[in-house]
Amino acid sequence: MATLTKHLMGHGWKTLLHTNLQKSSEVEDALKRIQHMKDVHGTIIINAEGTPVKTTLDESTTLQYAALIHQLTATAKGTIREMDPQNDLTFLRIRSKKHEIMVSPEKGFMLIVVQNIAEEK
């Protein structure tokens, strides 16, 4: 999981998505690379309004994650800004019993990656 987090926090994919969101083949390639990482369940890119732009999940799951994570991220951003107006949210990681949800917000869009938790042996 640490490798995926480092990959998502890196600026390479952000630059790619920000400058090439209309060039769907490059975006698709980036999503495929992330999707093929170990235990990744799905990826979603949403716009600033929380509307899904690209996804590898089914429609109902995508809409649910998009709405809830958009709302949670807005709350987290507000909390960070309230504590320190000079600060901003750069990455959000949520872990449950079944999944880890990694959110990388950027101006105009947000990448959400849902990863399955590896079962302990």
N, C-alpha and C. Protein backbone atom coordinates (compact mmCIF):
# COMPACT_ATOMS: atom_id res chain seq x y z
N MET A 1 0.80 -1.19 0.00
CA MET A 1 0.00 0.00 0.00
C MET A 1 0.85 1.26 0.00
N ALA A 2 2.00 1.21 0.60
CA ALA A 2 2.86 2.39 0.65
C ALA A 2 3.27 2.82 -0.75
N THR A 3 3.52 1.86 -1.64
CA THR A 3 3.90 2.19 -3.01
C THR A 3 2.78 2.94 -3.72
N LEU A 4 1.55 2.50 -3.57
CA LEU A 4 0.43 3.15 -4.21
C LEU A 4 0.25 4.56 -3.66
N THR A 5 0.37 4.72 -2.36
CA THR A 5 0.23 6.04 -1.76
C THR A 5 1.30 6.98 -2.29
N LYS A 6 2.54 6.52 -2.36
CA LYS A 6 3.62 7.35 -2.90
C LYS A 6 3.32 7.73 -4.34
N HIS A 7 2.82 6.78 -5.11
CA HIS A 7 2.48 7.03 -6.51
C HIS A 7 1.38 8.08 -6.63
N LEU A 8 0.36 7.98 -5.79
CA LEU A 8 -0.76 8.91 -5.85
C LEU A 8 -0.39 10.30 -5.36
N MET A 9 0.53 10.37 -4.40
CA MET A 9 0.93 11.66 -3.88
C MET A 9 1.93 12.35 -4.79
N GLY A 10 2.53 11.60 -5.71
CA GLY A 10 3.47 12.19 -6.66
C GLY A 10 2.74 13.13 -7.60
N HIS A 11 3.48 14.02 -8.20
CA HIS A 11 2.85 15.03 -9.06
C HIS A 11 2.72 14.59 -10.52
N GLY A 12 3.31 13.46 -10.90
CA GLY A 12 3.27 13.04 -12.28
C GLY A 12 1.86 12.83 -12.81
N TRP A 13 1.05 12.07 -12.09
CA TRP A 13 -0.31 11.80 -12.56
C TRP A 13 -1.15 13.06 -12.50
N LYS A 14 -0.90 13.94 -11.49
CA LYS A 14 -1.68 15.17 -11.38
C LYS A 14 -1.45 16.05 -12.60
N THR A 15 -0.20 16.18 -12.99
CA THR A 15 0.12 16.98 -14.17
C THR A 15 -0.54 16.38 -15.40
N LEU A 16 -0.45 15.07 -15.53
CA LEU A 16 -1.06 14.38 -16.66
C LEU A 16 -2.55 14.65 -16.71
N LEU A 17 -3.23 14.47 -15.61
CA LEU A 17 -4.68 14.66 -15.60
C LEU A 17 -5.06 16.12 -15.80
N HIS A 18 -4.34 17.00 -15.14
CA HIS A 18 -4.68 18.42 -15.20
C HIS A 18 -4.51 18.98 -16.62
N THR A 19 -3.43 18.60 -17.28
CA THR A 19 -3.16 19.15 -18.60
C THR A 19 -3.77 18.34 -19.74
N ASN A 20 -4.12 17.09 -19.47
CA ASN A 20 -4.57 16.21 -20.56
C ASN A 20 -5.92 15.55 -20.30
N LEU A 21 -6.75 16.15 -19.47
CA LEU A 21 -8.02 15.50 -19.15
C LEU A 21 -8.83 15.23 -20.42
N GLN A 22 -8.65 16.03 -21.43
CA GLN A 22 -9.36 15.82 -22.69
C GLN A 22 -8.71 14.72 -23.54
N LYS A 23 -7.43 14.44 -23.31
CA LYS A 23 -6.75 13.38 -24.06
C LYS A 23 -6.98 12.07 -23.33
N SER A 24 -8.11 11.47 -23.60
CA SER A 24 -8.55 10.33 -22.81
C SER A 24 -7.61 9.13 -22.87
N SER A 25 -6.86 8.94 -23.95
CA SER A 25 -5.99 7.76 -24.02
C SER A 25 -4.87 7.85 -22.98
N GLU A 26 -4.31 9.03 -22.77
CA GLU A 26 -3.26 9.19 -21.76
C GLU A 26 -3.83 9.03 -20.36
N VAL A 27 -5.00 9.57 -20.14
CA VAL A 27 -5.66 9.44 -18.84
C VAL A 27 -6.00 7.97 -18.60
N GLU A 28 -6.53 7.31 -19.62
CA GLU A 28 -6.86 5.89 -19.49
C GLU A 28 -5.62 5.07 -19.15
N ASP A 29 -4.50 5.37 -19.78
CA ASP A 29 -3.26 4.65 -19.49
C ASP A 29 -2.85 4.84 -18.03
N ALA A 30 -2.96 6.06 -17.53
CA ALA A 30 -2.61 6.34 -16.13
C ALA A 30 -3.54 5.58 -15.19
N LEU A 31 -4.84 5.58 -15.49
CA LEU A 31 -5.80 4.85 -14.66
C LEU A 31 -5.54 3.35 -14.70
N LYS A 32 -5.18 2.84 -15.87
CA LYS A 32 -4.89 1.40 -15.98
C LYS A 32 -3.68 1.02 -15.13
N ARG A 33 -2.65 1.89 -15.13
CA ARG A 33 -1.47 1.60 -14.30
C ARG A 33 -1.84 1.54 -12.83
N ILE A 34 -2.66 2.48 -12.39
CA ILE A 34 -3.09 2.49 -11.00
C ILE A 34 -3.99 1.28 -10.73
N GLN A 35 -4.92 1.02 -11.64
CA GLN A 35 -5.88 -0.08 -11.47
C GLN A 35 -5.17 -1.43 -11.34
N HIS A 36 -4.04 -1.59 -12.02
CA HIS A 36 -3.34 -2.87 -12.00
C HIS A 36 -2.39 -3.01 -10.81
N MET A 37 -2.33 -2.01 -9.95
CA MET A 37 -1.51 -2.14 -8.75
C MET A 37 -2.22 -3.10 -7.80
N LYS A 38 -1.44 -3.71 -6.94
CA LYS A 38 -1.94 -4.75 -6.04
C LYS A 38 -3.14 -4.26 -5.22
N ASP A 39 -4.18 -5.06 -5.21
CA ASP A 39 -5.38 -4.88 -4.38
C ASP A 39 -6.24 -3.67 -4.73
N VAL A 40 -5.98 -2.98 -5.83
CA VAL A 40 -6.82 -1.83 -6.19
C VAL A 40 -8.17 -2.36 -6.68
N HIS A 41 -9.21 -1.87 -6.04
CA HIS A 41 -10.58 -2.26 -6.38
C HIS A 41 -11.15 -1.38 -7.49
N GLY A 42 -10.82 -0.09 -7.45
CA GLY A 42 -11.33 0.81 -8.48
C GLY A 42 -10.80 2.22 -8.35
N THR A 43 -10.95 2.99 -9.42
CA THR A 43 -10.52 4.38 -9.44
C THR A 43 -11.65 5.25 -9.97
N ILE A 44 -11.72 6.46 -9.46
CA ILE A 44 -12.73 7.43 -9.90
C ILE A 44 -12.06 8.79 -10.00
N ILE A 45 -12.34 9.50 -11.05
CA ILE A 45 -11.94 10.90 -11.15
C ILE A 45 -13.24 11.70 -11.16
N ILE A 46 -13.32 12.67 -10.25
CA ILE A 46 -14.50 13.54 -10.21
C ILE A 46 -14.07 14.97 -10.46
N ASN A 47 -14.99 15.78 -10.99
CA ASN A 47 -14.69 17.19 -11.20
C ASN A 47 -14.94 17.97 -9.91
N ALA A 48 -14.78 19.28 -9.98
CA ALA A 48 -14.90 20.13 -8.79
C ALA A 48 -16.30 20.07 -8.16
N GLU A 49 -17.30 19.76 -8.96
CA GLU A 49 -18.67 19.67 -8.44
C GLU A 49 -18.99 18.30 -7.87
N GLY A 50 -18.08 17.35 -8.01
CA GLY A 50 -18.30 16.00 -7.50
C GLY A 50 -18.89 15.05 -8.52
N THR A 51 -18.97 15.46 -9.76
CA THR A 51 -19.51 14.62 -10.82
C THR A 51 -18.42 13.71 -11.37
N PRO A 52 -18.67 12.41 -11.44
CA PRO A 52 -17.66 11.49 -11.99
C PRO A 52 -17.35 11.80 -13.45
N VAL A 53 -16.06 11.81 -13.76
CA VAL A 53 -15.60 12.06 -15.12
C VAL A 53 -15.08 10.77 -15.73
N LYS A 54 -14.33 10.00 -14.94
CA LYS A 54 -13.79 8.70 -15.36
C LYS A 54 -13.92 7.75 -14.18
N THR A 55 -14.17 6.48 -14.48
CA THR A 55 -14.28 5.50 -13.41
C THR A 55 -14.00 4.10 -13.93
N THR A 56 -13.59 3.23 -13.02
CA THR A 56 -13.45 1.81 -13.35
C THR A 56 -14.46 0.99 -12.56
N LEU A 57 -15.32 1.65 -11.82
CA LEU A 57 -16.35 0.97 -11.01
C LEU A 57 -17.70 1.06 -11.69
N ASP A 58 -18.66 0.29 -11.22
CA ASP A 58 -20.01 0.35 -11.78
C ASP A 58 -20.65 1.69 -11.41
N GLU A 59 -21.73 2.02 -12.10
CA GLU A 59 -22.35 3.34 -11.96
C GLU A 59 -22.84 3.65 -10.55
N SER A 60 -23.54 2.73 -9.93
CA SER A 60 -24.10 3.02 -8.60
C SER A 60 -22.99 3.18 -7.55
N THR A 61 -21.98 2.33 -7.61
CA THR A 61 -20.85 2.44 -6.69
C THR A 61 -20.10 3.74 -6.92
N THR A 62 -19.89 4.08 -8.18
CA THR A 62 -19.20 5.32 -8.52
C THR A 62 -19.94 6.53 -7.98
N LEU A 63 -21.24 6.58 -8.19
CA LEU A 63 -22.04 7.73 -7.73
C LEU A 63 -22.02 7.83 -6.21
N GLN A 64 -22.08 6.69 -5.54
CA GLN A 64 -22.06 6.69 -4.07
C GLN A 64 -20.71 7.21 -3.56
N TYR A 65 -19.62 6.64 -4.06
CA TYR A 65 -18.29 7.10 -3.63
C TYR A 65 -18.08 8.57 -3.98
N ALA A 66 -18.45 8.96 -5.19
CA ALA A 66 -18.23 10.35 -5.63
C ALA A 66 -18.92 11.34 -4.70
N ALA A 67 -20.18 11.10 -4.40
CA ALA A 67 -20.94 12.03 -3.55
C ALA A 67 -20.40 12.06 -2.13
N LEU A 68 -20.19 10.90 -1.55
CA LEU A 68 -19.76 10.85 -0.15
C LEU A 68 -18.32 11.33 0.05
N ILE A 69 -17.43 10.92 -0.83
CA ILE A 69 -16.02 11.33 -0.70
C ILE A 69 -15.87 12.82 -1.02
N HIS A 70 -16.63 13.33 -1.98
CA HIS A 70 -16.59 14.77 -2.27
C HIS A 70 -16.99 15.57 -1.05
N GLN A 71 -18.06 15.15 -0.39
CA GLN A 71 -18.54 15.83 0.82
C GLN A 71 -17.52 15.72 1.96
N LEU A 72 -16.98 14.53 2.17
CA LEU A 72 -16.00 14.32 3.23
C LEU A 72 -14.73 15.15 2.99
N THR A 73 -14.28 15.19 1.75
CA THR A 73 -13.08 15.94 1.41
C THR A 73 -13.30 17.44 1.62
N ALA A 74 -14.48 17.93 1.26
CA ALA A 74 -14.79 19.34 1.49
C ALA A 74 -14.76 19.66 2.99
N THR A 75 -15.29 18.77 3.80
CA THR A 75 -15.28 18.96 5.25
C THR A 75 -13.84 18.94 5.78
N ALA A 76 -13.04 17.99 5.31
CA ALA A 76 -11.64 17.90 5.74
C ALA A 76 -10.86 19.15 5.34
N LYS A 77 -11.08 19.64 4.11
CA LYS A 77 -10.42 20.87 3.66
C LYS A 77 -10.79 22.04 4.56
N GLY A 78 -12.08 22.14 4.87
CA GLY A 78 -12.55 23.21 5.74
C GLY A 78 -11.93 23.14 7.12
N THR A 79 -11.81 21.94 7.64
CA THR A 79 -11.21 21.74 8.96
C THR A 79 -9.74 22.17 8.96
N ILE A 80 -9.01 21.76 7.95
CA ILE A 80 -7.60 22.13 7.83
C ILE A 80 -7.46 23.65 7.75
N ARG A 81 -8.28 24.28 6.92
CA ARG A 81 -8.23 25.74 6.76
C ARG A 81 -8.63 26.47 8.04
N GLU A 82 -9.57 25.91 8.78
CA GLU A 82 -10.00 26.54 10.03
C GLU A 82 -8.87 26.49 11.07
N MET A 83 -8.14 25.39 11.09
CA MET A 83 -7.02 25.27 12.02
C MET A 83 -5.86 26.17 11.63
N ASP A 84 -5.64 26.30 10.32
CA ASP A 84 -4.54 27.13 9.81
C ASP A 84 -4.92 27.64 8.42
N PRO A 85 -5.33 28.91 8.30
CA PRO A 85 -5.77 29.45 7.00
C PRO A 85 -4.70 29.40 5.91
N GLN A 86 -3.45 29.21 6.29
CA GLN A 86 -2.37 29.15 5.31
C GLN A 86 -2.11 27.72 4.81
N ASN A 87 -2.85 26.77 5.35
CA ASN A 87 -2.63 25.36 5.04
C ASN A 87 -3.72 24.85 4.10
N ASP A 88 -3.50 23.69 3.49
CA ASP A 88 -4.49 23.10 2.60
C ASP A 88 -4.36 21.58 2.62
N LEU A 89 -5.43 20.91 2.33
CA LEU A 89 -5.45 19.46 2.26
C LEU A 89 -4.78 19.00 0.97
N THR A 90 -3.82 18.10 1.09
CA THR A 90 -3.13 17.59 -0.10
C THR A 90 -3.43 16.12 -0.37
N PHE A 91 -3.82 15.38 0.67
CA PHE A 91 -4.07 13.96 0.50
C PHE A 91 -4.93 13.49 1.67
N LEU A 92 -5.87 12.60 1.40
CA LEU A 92 -6.74 12.08 2.44
C LEU A 92 -6.76 10.57 2.32
N ARG A 93 -6.56 9.90 3.44
CA ARG A 93 -6.52 8.44 3.44
C ARG A 93 -7.48 7.94 4.50
N ILE A 94 -8.37 7.05 4.12
CA ILE A 94 -9.39 6.52 5.02
C ILE A 94 -9.28 5.00 4.98
N ARG A 95 -9.21 4.41 6.14
CA ARG A 95 -9.08 2.95 6.19
C ARG A 95 -10.24 2.38 6.99
N SER A 96 -10.90 1.40 6.41
CA SER A 96 -11.98 0.67 7.10
C SER A 96 -11.56 -0.79 7.19
N LYS A 97 -12.43 -1.63 7.67
CA LYS A 97 -12.11 -3.05 7.77
C LYS A 97 -11.93 -3.69 6.39
N LYS A 98 -12.65 -3.18 5.39
CA LYS A 98 -12.64 -3.80 4.06
C LYS A 98 -11.80 -3.05 3.03
N HIS A 99 -11.75 -1.71 3.14
CA HIS A 99 -11.10 -0.92 2.09
C HIS A 99 -10.24 0.20 2.67
N GLU A 100 -9.34 0.64 1.84
CA GLU A 100 -8.62 1.87 2.10
C GLU A 100 -8.98 2.78 0.93
N ILE A 101 -9.42 3.98 1.26
CA ILE A 101 -9.80 4.95 0.23
C ILE A 101 -8.78 6.07 0.26
N MET A 102 -8.14 6.29 -0.86
CA MET A 102 -7.14 7.34 -0.97
C MET A 102 -7.67 8.42 -1.90
N VAL A 103 -7.58 9.65 -1.43
CA VAL A 103 -8.12 10.78 -2.17
C VAL A 103 -7.02 11.79 -2.39
N SER A 104 -6.85 12.17 -3.63
CA SER A 104 -5.87 13.19 -3.96
C SER A 104 -6.59 14.35 -4.64
N PRO A 105 -6.91 15.38 -3.84
CA PRO A 105 -7.63 16.52 -4.41
C PRO A 105 -6.67 17.46 -5.14
N GLU A 106 -7.13 17.98 -6.23
CA GLU A 106 -6.36 18.92 -7.04
C GLU A 106 -7.34 19.97 -7.52
N LYS A 107 -6.83 21.09 -7.94
CA LYS A 107 -7.71 22.16 -8.42
C LYS A 107 -8.51 21.67 -9.63
N GLY A 108 -9.81 21.63 -9.48
CA GLY A 108 -10.68 21.26 -10.60
C GLY A 108 -11.07 19.80 -10.67
N PHE A 109 -10.36 18.92 -9.96
CA PHE A 109 -10.69 17.50 -10.01
C PHE A 109 -10.14 16.79 -8.79
N MET A 110 -10.54 15.54 -8.64
CA MET A 110 -10.09 14.74 -7.50
C MET A 110 -9.97 13.28 -7.96
N LEU A 111 -8.90 12.63 -7.57
CA LEU A 111 -8.72 11.22 -7.84
C LEU A 111 -9.05 10.44 -6.58
N ILE A 112 -9.91 9.45 -6.72
CA ILE A 112 -10.29 8.57 -5.62
C ILE A 112 -9.86 7.15 -6.01
N VAL A 113 -9.10 6.52 -5.14
CA VAL A 113 -8.68 5.14 -5.37
C VAL A 113 -9.18 4.30 -4.20
N VAL A 114 -9.89 3.23 -4.53
CA VAL A 114 -10.41 2.31 -3.52
C VAL A 114 -9.56 1.04 -3.61
N GLN A 115 -8.96 0.71 -2.48
CA GLN A 115 -8.08 -0.45 -2.44
C GLN A 115 -8.61 -1.45 -1.42
N ASN A 116 -8.61 -2.73 -1.79
CA ASN A 116 -9.02 -3.78 -0.87
C ASN A 116 -7.95 -3.95 0.20
N ILE A 117 -8.37 -4.23 1.41
CA ILE A 117 -7.43 -4.51 2.49
C ILE A 117 -7.02 -5.97 2.37
N ALA A 118 -5.75 -6.20 2.33
CA ALA A 118 -5.25 -7.57 2.25
C ALA A 118 -5.57 -8.29 3.54
N GLU A 119 -6.12 -9.47 3.41
CA GLU A 119 -6.46 -10.25 4.60
C GLU A 119 -5.19 -10.78 5.24
N GLU A 120 -5.14 -10.68 6.56
CA GLU A 120 -3.99 -11.18 7.29
C GLU A 120 -4.03 -12.70 7.31
N LYS A 121 -2.88 -13.29 7.16
CA LYS A 121 -2.80 -14.76 7.11
C LYS A 121 -2.46 -15.32 8.45
